[in-house]
Amino acid sequence: MRPHQGQAGGAARRGARALTHGDRSRQTNDILVMARTDARATHGMDEALQRMDDAAAEGADSVFLEAPRDAAEMRRFVEAARGKPCMANLVHGGLTPMLPHAELERIGFRLAIHPVALLSAAIAAMHEIG
């Protein structure tokens, strides 16, 4: 594994090593190991994809790139994922485009989450009630 830019002794390498250790010690397939990187925002798309590649090579079951900026970046992420299932995190007002589920599936995403959709709806209803 290569050192990551700006990560002297870094968390990215420790995380990948933890995946390797976890993969070797797994006694069951009941646990899904999903690798996540937020490096797109701080280090750029190329570095984020390299981190995802490292995690996939080290044994992550699934991968998640936080905040791709457009559908092209989303496609690029899925293509670089070594066939690992990819997750899209869809938040209204967030940086990731709110693509229809059929489009996400065409791109190759296997999982899409809407982590605050119900909370946002509840807050809106509370404001209406006053």
N, C-alpha and C. Protein backbone atom coordinates (compact mmCIF):
# COMPACT_ATOMS: atom_id res chain seq x y z
N MET A 1 0.84 -1.17 0.00
CA MET A 1 0.00 0.00 0.00
C MET A 1 0.88 1.23 0.00
N ARG A 2 0.50 2.22 -0.76
CA ARG A 2 1.29 3.44 -0.84
C ARG A 2 0.87 4.43 0.22
N PRO A 3 1.80 5.27 0.70
CA PRO A 3 1.39 6.32 1.64
C PRO A 3 0.47 7.30 0.95
N HIS A 4 -0.47 7.83 1.66
CA HIS A 4 -1.39 8.81 1.11
C HIS A 4 -0.86 10.21 1.34
N GLN A 5 -1.08 11.08 0.38
CA GLN A 5 -0.62 12.45 0.49
C GLN A 5 -1.19 13.08 1.75
N GLY A 6 -0.31 13.75 2.49
CA GLY A 6 -0.76 14.45 3.68
C GLY A 6 -1.18 13.54 4.82
N GLN A 7 -0.84 12.26 4.73
CA GLN A 7 -1.27 11.30 5.75
C GLN A 7 -0.06 10.59 6.35
N ALA A 8 1.01 11.33 6.70
CA ALA A 8 2.20 10.70 7.27
C ALA A 8 1.80 9.78 8.41
N GLY A 9 2.04 8.50 8.26
CA GLY A 9 1.64 7.51 9.24
C GLY A 9 0.13 7.35 9.29
N GLY A 10 -0.55 7.83 8.30
CA GLY A 10 -1.94 8.24 8.27
C GLY A 10 -3.04 7.25 8.53
N ALA A 11 -4.15 7.85 8.79
CA ALA A 11 -5.38 7.13 9.09
C ALA A 11 -5.79 6.24 7.94
N ALA A 12 -5.53 6.66 6.71
CA ALA A 12 -5.93 5.86 5.55
C ALA A 12 -5.20 4.52 5.54
N ARG A 13 -3.90 4.53 5.82
CA ARG A 13 -3.15 3.27 5.87
C ARG A 13 -3.60 2.42 7.05
N ARG A 14 -3.82 3.05 8.20
CA ARG A 14 -4.27 2.29 9.36
C ARG A 14 -5.62 1.64 9.08
N GLY A 15 -6.49 2.39 8.41
CA GLY A 15 -7.81 1.86 8.09
C GLY A 15 -7.72 0.66 7.17
N ALA A 16 -6.88 0.75 6.16
CA ALA A 16 -6.73 -0.37 5.22
C ALA A 16 -6.12 -1.58 5.93
N ARG A 17 -5.16 -1.34 6.82
CA ARG A 17 -4.58 -2.45 7.58
C ARG A 17 -5.64 -3.10 8.47
N ALA A 18 -6.50 -2.28 9.05
CA ALA A 18 -7.57 -2.82 9.90
C ALA A 18 -8.51 -3.70 9.08
N LEU A 19 -8.77 -3.30 7.84
CA LEU A 19 -9.60 -4.12 6.96
C LEU A 19 -8.95 -5.47 6.72
N THR A 20 -7.64 -5.45 6.46
CA THR A 20 -6.92 -6.69 6.23
C THR A 20 -7.00 -7.59 7.46
N HIS A 21 -6.75 -7.03 8.62
CA HIS A 21 -6.82 -7.79 9.86
C HIS A 21 -8.23 -8.32 10.07
N GLY A 22 -9.21 -7.46 9.88
CA GLY A 22 -10.60 -7.87 10.06
C GLY A 22 -10.99 -8.98 9.11
N ASP A 23 -10.54 -8.91 7.86
CA ASP A 23 -10.87 -9.91 6.87
C ASP A 23 -10.30 -11.27 7.27
N ARG A 24 -9.06 -11.27 7.77
CA ARG A 24 -8.43 -12.53 8.17
C ARG A 24 -9.09 -13.13 9.40
N SER A 25 -9.61 -12.28 10.29
CA SER A 25 -10.15 -12.80 11.54
C SER A 25 -11.65 -13.04 11.48
N ARG A 26 -12.29 -12.74 10.38
CA ARG A 26 -13.73 -12.93 10.28
C ARG A 26 -14.11 -14.39 10.39
N GLN A 27 -15.07 -14.66 11.25
CA GLN A 27 -15.58 -16.01 11.42
C GLN A 27 -16.95 -16.15 10.75
N THR A 28 -17.51 -15.04 10.30
CA THR A 28 -18.86 -15.04 9.76
C THR A 28 -18.94 -14.01 8.64
N ASN A 29 -19.90 -14.17 7.79
CA ASN A 29 -20.16 -13.18 6.75
C ASN A 29 -21.33 -12.29 7.12
N ASP A 30 -21.72 -12.29 8.39
CA ASP A 30 -22.85 -11.50 8.85
C ASP A 30 -22.54 -10.01 8.96
N ILE A 31 -21.29 -9.65 8.85
CA ILE A 31 -20.88 -8.25 8.99
C ILE A 31 -20.38 -7.75 7.64
N LEU A 32 -20.89 -6.61 7.24
CA LEU A 32 -20.47 -5.96 6.00
C LEU A 32 -19.45 -4.89 6.35
N VAL A 33 -18.29 -4.93 5.70
CA VAL A 33 -17.28 -3.90 5.90
C VAL A 33 -17.39 -2.92 4.73
N MET A 34 -17.83 -1.70 5.04
CA MET A 34 -17.97 -0.68 4.01
C MET A 34 -16.87 0.37 4.22
N ALA A 35 -16.08 0.56 3.20
CA ALA A 35 -15.02 1.57 3.26
C ALA A 35 -15.59 2.89 2.76
N ARG A 36 -15.29 3.96 3.50
CA ARG A 36 -15.77 5.29 3.15
C ARG A 36 -14.58 6.23 3.07
N THR A 37 -14.63 7.12 2.10
CA THR A 37 -13.63 8.19 2.08
C THR A 37 -14.32 9.52 1.84
N ASP A 38 -13.83 10.52 2.53
CA ASP A 38 -14.25 11.91 2.34
C ASP A 38 -13.15 12.68 1.60
N ALA A 39 -12.17 11.97 1.07
CA ALA A 39 -10.99 12.60 0.47
C ALA A 39 -11.32 13.44 -0.76
N ARG A 40 -12.47 13.23 -1.38
CA ARG A 40 -12.84 14.02 -2.56
C ARG A 40 -12.81 15.51 -2.23
N ALA A 41 -13.30 15.87 -1.06
CA ALA A 41 -13.39 17.29 -0.66
C ALA A 41 -12.04 17.90 -0.34
N THR A 42 -11.13 17.11 0.20
CA THR A 42 -9.87 17.67 0.69
C THR A 42 -8.66 17.36 -0.18
N HIS A 43 -8.69 16.23 -0.88
CA HIS A 43 -7.52 15.81 -1.66
C HIS A 43 -7.82 15.60 -3.15
N GLY A 44 -9.08 15.73 -3.56
CA GLY A 44 -9.43 15.58 -4.96
C GLY A 44 -9.90 14.18 -5.31
N MET A 45 -10.48 14.09 -6.49
CA MET A 45 -11.09 12.84 -6.95
C MET A 45 -10.06 11.72 -7.14
N ASP A 46 -8.91 12.03 -7.71
CA ASP A 46 -7.92 10.98 -7.95
C ASP A 46 -7.48 10.33 -6.64
N GLU A 47 -7.20 11.13 -5.62
CA GLU A 47 -6.79 10.59 -4.32
C GLU A 47 -7.93 9.79 -3.69
N ALA A 48 -9.15 10.29 -3.80
CA ALA A 48 -10.30 9.57 -3.24
C ALA A 48 -10.44 8.19 -3.91
N LEU A 49 -10.30 8.14 -5.22
CA LEU A 49 -10.40 6.87 -5.93
C LEU A 49 -9.27 5.93 -5.54
N GLN A 50 -8.07 6.47 -5.33
CA GLN A 50 -6.96 5.63 -4.91
C GLN A 50 -7.23 5.02 -3.54
N ARG A 51 -7.80 5.81 -2.64
CA ARG A 51 -8.12 5.29 -1.31
C ARG A 51 -9.19 4.21 -1.39
N MET A 52 -10.17 4.39 -2.26
CA MET A 52 -11.20 3.37 -2.44
C MET A 52 -10.58 2.10 -3.02
N ASP A 53 -9.68 2.26 -3.96
CA ASP A 53 -9.00 1.12 -4.56
C ASP A 53 -8.20 0.37 -3.50
N ASP A 54 -7.47 1.11 -2.66
CA ASP A 54 -6.71 0.49 -1.58
C ASP A 54 -7.63 -0.30 -0.65
N ALA A 55 -8.74 0.29 -0.29
CA ALA A 55 -9.68 -0.37 0.63
C ALA A 55 -10.26 -1.63 -0.01
N ALA A 56 -10.62 -1.54 -1.29
CA ALA A 56 -11.15 -2.72 -1.99
C ALA A 56 -10.09 -3.82 -2.04
N ALA A 57 -8.85 -3.45 -2.33
CA ALA A 57 -7.77 -4.43 -2.39
C ALA A 57 -7.51 -5.06 -1.02
N GLU A 58 -7.76 -4.31 0.04
CA GLU A 58 -7.51 -4.80 1.40
C GLU A 58 -8.68 -5.61 1.96
N GLY A 59 -9.80 -5.68 1.23
CA GLY A 59 -10.87 -6.57 1.67
C GLY A 59 -12.20 -5.94 2.01
N ALA A 60 -12.38 -4.64 1.74
CA ALA A 60 -13.70 -4.04 1.98
C ALA A 60 -14.74 -4.75 1.14
N ASP A 61 -15.91 -4.96 1.72
CA ASP A 61 -17.01 -5.61 0.99
C ASP A 61 -17.72 -4.64 0.07
N SER A 62 -17.76 -3.38 0.46
CA SER A 62 -18.50 -2.34 -0.26
C SER A 62 -17.74 -1.03 -0.08
N VAL A 63 -17.99 -0.09 -0.99
CA VAL A 63 -17.28 1.19 -0.93
C VAL A 63 -18.24 2.36 -1.07
N PHE A 64 -17.82 3.48 -0.48
CA PHE A 64 -18.67 4.67 -0.43
C PHE A 64 -17.78 5.90 -0.56
N LEU A 65 -18.02 6.66 -1.61
CA LEU A 65 -17.33 7.93 -1.85
C LEU A 65 -18.26 9.05 -1.42
N GLU A 66 -17.86 9.82 -0.43
CA GLU A 66 -18.68 10.93 0.04
C GLU A 66 -18.60 12.09 -0.95
N ALA A 67 -19.75 12.59 -1.33
CA ALA A 67 -19.94 13.83 -2.09
C ALA A 67 -19.28 13.92 -3.45
N PRO A 68 -19.53 12.91 -4.34
CA PRO A 68 -19.13 13.15 -5.72
C PRO A 68 -19.95 14.33 -6.26
N ARG A 69 -19.37 15.13 -7.13
CA ARG A 69 -19.98 16.40 -7.53
C ARG A 69 -20.97 16.32 -8.68
N ASP A 70 -20.87 15.25 -9.48
CA ASP A 70 -21.77 15.14 -10.64
C ASP A 70 -21.87 13.68 -11.07
N ALA A 71 -22.73 13.43 -12.05
CA ALA A 71 -22.94 12.06 -12.51
C ALA A 71 -21.67 11.46 -13.10
N ALA A 72 -20.84 12.28 -13.73
CA ALA A 72 -19.58 11.77 -14.30
C ALA A 72 -18.66 11.26 -13.19
N GLU A 73 -18.58 11.98 -12.08
CA GLU A 73 -17.76 11.50 -10.96
C GLU A 73 -18.36 10.25 -10.35
N MET A 74 -19.67 10.17 -10.32
CA MET A 74 -20.32 8.98 -9.79
C MET A 74 -20.01 7.77 -10.65
N ARG A 75 -20.05 7.95 -11.98
CA ARG A 75 -19.71 6.85 -12.90
C ARG A 75 -18.25 6.44 -12.71
N ARG A 76 -17.38 7.42 -12.63
CA ARG A 76 -15.95 7.16 -12.47
C ARG A 76 -15.69 6.35 -11.19
N PHE A 77 -16.38 6.71 -10.12
CA PHE A 77 -16.25 5.99 -8.85
C PHE A 77 -16.67 4.53 -9.01
N VAL A 78 -17.86 4.31 -9.59
CA VAL A 78 -18.36 2.94 -9.75
C VAL A 78 -17.41 2.12 -10.63
N GLU A 79 -16.92 2.72 -11.71
CA GLU A 79 -16.00 2.01 -12.61
C GLU A 79 -14.70 1.64 -11.91
N ALA A 80 -14.27 2.44 -10.95
CA ALA A 80 -13.00 2.20 -10.26
C ALA A 80 -13.15 1.29 -9.04
N ALA A 81 -14.34 0.82 -8.76
CA ALA A 81 -14.62 0.12 -7.49
C ALA A 81 -14.28 -1.37 -7.49
N ARG A 82 -13.61 -1.87 -8.50
CA ARG A 82 -13.21 -3.28 -8.55
C ARG A 82 -14.40 -4.23 -8.44
N GLY A 83 -15.56 -3.80 -8.92
CA GLY A 83 -16.74 -4.65 -8.86
C GLY A 83 -17.40 -4.71 -7.49
N LYS A 84 -16.88 -3.96 -6.53
CA LYS A 84 -17.47 -3.94 -5.19
C LYS A 84 -18.78 -3.15 -5.25
N PRO A 85 -19.78 -3.55 -4.47
CA PRO A 85 -21.02 -2.78 -4.43
C PRO A 85 -20.74 -1.35 -3.94
N CYS A 86 -21.34 -0.39 -4.61
CA CYS A 86 -21.14 1.03 -4.28
C CYS A 86 -22.42 1.62 -3.70
N MET A 87 -22.23 2.53 -2.75
CA MET A 87 -23.35 3.19 -2.10
C MET A 87 -23.38 4.66 -2.48
N ALA A 88 -24.59 5.17 -2.70
CA ALA A 88 -24.82 6.61 -2.93
C ALA A 88 -25.53 7.17 -1.71
N ASN A 89 -25.04 8.28 -1.21
CA ASN A 89 -25.62 8.97 -0.05
C ASN A 89 -26.35 10.20 -0.57
N LEU A 90 -27.67 10.19 -0.54
CA LEU A 90 -28.47 11.24 -1.15
C LEU A 90 -29.11 12.12 -0.09
N VAL A 91 -28.65 13.36 -0.04
CA VAL A 91 -29.14 14.33 0.94
C VAL A 91 -29.61 15.56 0.18
N HIS A 92 -30.86 15.94 0.33
CA HIS A 92 -31.37 17.15 -0.32
C HIS A 92 -30.52 18.33 0.12
N GLY A 93 -30.01 19.08 -0.86
CA GLY A 93 -29.15 20.22 -0.56
C GLY A 93 -27.69 19.84 -0.40
N GLY A 94 -27.36 18.55 -0.50
CA GLY A 94 -25.98 18.10 -0.39
C GLY A 94 -25.25 18.23 -1.71
N LEU A 95 -23.99 17.82 -1.74
CA LEU A 95 -23.16 17.95 -2.94
C LEU A 95 -23.40 16.85 -3.96
N THR A 96 -23.83 15.67 -3.51
CA THR A 96 -24.09 14.57 -4.43
C THR A 96 -25.39 14.84 -5.18
N PRO A 97 -25.38 14.69 -6.52
CA PRO A 97 -26.62 14.93 -7.28
C PRO A 97 -27.73 13.97 -6.87
N MET A 98 -28.94 14.48 -6.79
CA MET A 98 -30.10 13.68 -6.43
C MET A 98 -30.66 13.00 -7.69
N LEU A 99 -29.97 11.96 -8.13
CA LEU A 99 -30.39 11.25 -9.33
C LEU A 99 -31.51 10.28 -9.00
N PRO A 100 -32.40 10.03 -9.96
CA PRO A 100 -33.45 9.02 -9.74
C PRO A 100 -32.80 7.64 -9.51
N HIS A 101 -33.48 6.81 -8.75
CA HIS A 101 -32.92 5.49 -8.44
C HIS A 101 -32.63 4.68 -9.69
N ALA A 102 -33.46 4.79 -10.71
CA ALA A 102 -33.21 4.05 -11.96
C ALA A 102 -31.88 4.49 -12.59
N GLU A 103 -31.58 5.77 -12.52
CA GLU A 103 -30.31 6.28 -13.06
C GLU A 103 -29.14 5.79 -12.22
N LEU A 104 -29.29 5.81 -10.90
CA LEU A 104 -28.23 5.29 -10.03
C LEU A 104 -27.94 3.83 -10.35
N GLU A 105 -29.00 3.07 -10.57
CA GLU A 105 -28.83 1.66 -10.92
C GLU A 105 -28.12 1.51 -12.27
N ARG A 106 -28.48 2.33 -13.25
CA ARG A 106 -27.81 2.28 -14.56
C ARG A 106 -26.33 2.60 -14.42
N ILE A 107 -25.99 3.55 -13.56
CA ILE A 107 -24.59 3.90 -13.34
C ILE A 107 -23.85 2.74 -12.68
N GLY A 108 -24.56 1.98 -11.85
CA GLY A 108 -23.95 0.82 -11.22
C GLY A 108 -24.01 0.81 -9.70
N PHE A 109 -24.72 1.76 -9.11
CA PHE A 109 -24.86 1.76 -7.66
C PHE A 109 -25.76 0.62 -7.23
N ARG A 110 -25.41 -0.03 -6.12
CA ARG A 110 -26.20 -1.13 -5.61
C ARG A 110 -26.99 -0.75 -4.37
N LEU A 111 -26.65 0.41 -3.78
CA LEU A 111 -27.32 0.84 -2.56
C LEU A 111 -27.41 2.36 -2.59
N ALA A 112 -28.57 2.87 -2.22
CA ALA A 112 -28.76 4.32 -2.08
C ALA A 112 -29.44 4.57 -0.75
N ILE A 113 -28.90 5.54 -0.02
CA ILE A 113 -29.52 5.89 1.26
C ILE A 113 -29.96 7.34 1.23
N HIS A 114 -31.00 7.62 1.99
CA HIS A 114 -31.53 8.96 2.18
C HIS A 114 -31.52 9.19 3.70
N PRO A 115 -30.35 9.48 4.28
CA PRO A 115 -30.20 9.42 5.73
C PRO A 115 -31.01 10.42 6.54
N VAL A 116 -31.40 11.53 5.96
CA VAL A 116 -32.15 12.52 6.76
C VAL A 116 -33.51 12.86 6.14
N ALA A 117 -33.96 12.09 5.19
CA ALA A 117 -35.21 12.40 4.50
C ALA A 117 -36.40 12.44 5.47
N LEU A 118 -36.52 11.44 6.33
CA LEU A 118 -37.65 11.42 7.26
C LEU A 118 -37.54 12.52 8.30
N LEU A 119 -36.33 12.78 8.76
CA LEU A 119 -36.12 13.86 9.72
C LEU A 119 -36.50 15.20 9.10
N SER A 120 -36.10 15.43 7.87
CA SER A 120 -36.43 16.69 7.19
C SER A 120 -37.93 16.83 7.02
N ALA A 121 -38.62 15.77 6.67
CA ALA A 121 -40.08 15.82 6.52
C ALA A 121 -40.75 16.11 7.86
N ALA A 122 -40.24 15.50 8.92
CA ALA A 122 -40.82 15.73 10.25
C ALA A 122 -40.62 17.18 10.69
N ILE A 123 -39.46 17.72 10.44
CA ILE A 123 -39.18 19.12 10.80
C ILE A 123 -40.10 20.06 10.01
N ALA A 124 -40.25 19.79 8.71
CA ALA A 124 -41.14 20.63 7.88
C ALA A 124 -42.57 20.57 8.42
N ALA A 125 -43.03 19.38 8.80
CA ALA A 125 -44.39 19.25 9.34
C ALA A 125 -44.54 19.99 10.65
N MET A 126 -43.52 19.96 11.48
CA MET A 126 -43.56 20.69 12.76
C MET A 126 -43.65 22.20 12.53
N HIS A 127 -42.95 22.68 11.53
CA HIS A 127 -43.02 24.11 11.22
C HIS A 127 -44.41 24.49 10.72
N GLU A 128 -45.03 23.62 9.95
CA GLU A 128 -46.38 23.89 9.44
C GLU A 128 -47.40 23.97 10.58
N ILE A 129 -47.25 23.06 11.53
CA ILE A 129 -48.17 22.99 12.66
C ILE A 129 -47.97 24.21 13.57
N GLY A 130 -46.73 24.63 13.67
CA GLY A 130 -46.41 25.84 14.41
C GLY A 130 -46.17 25.60 15.82
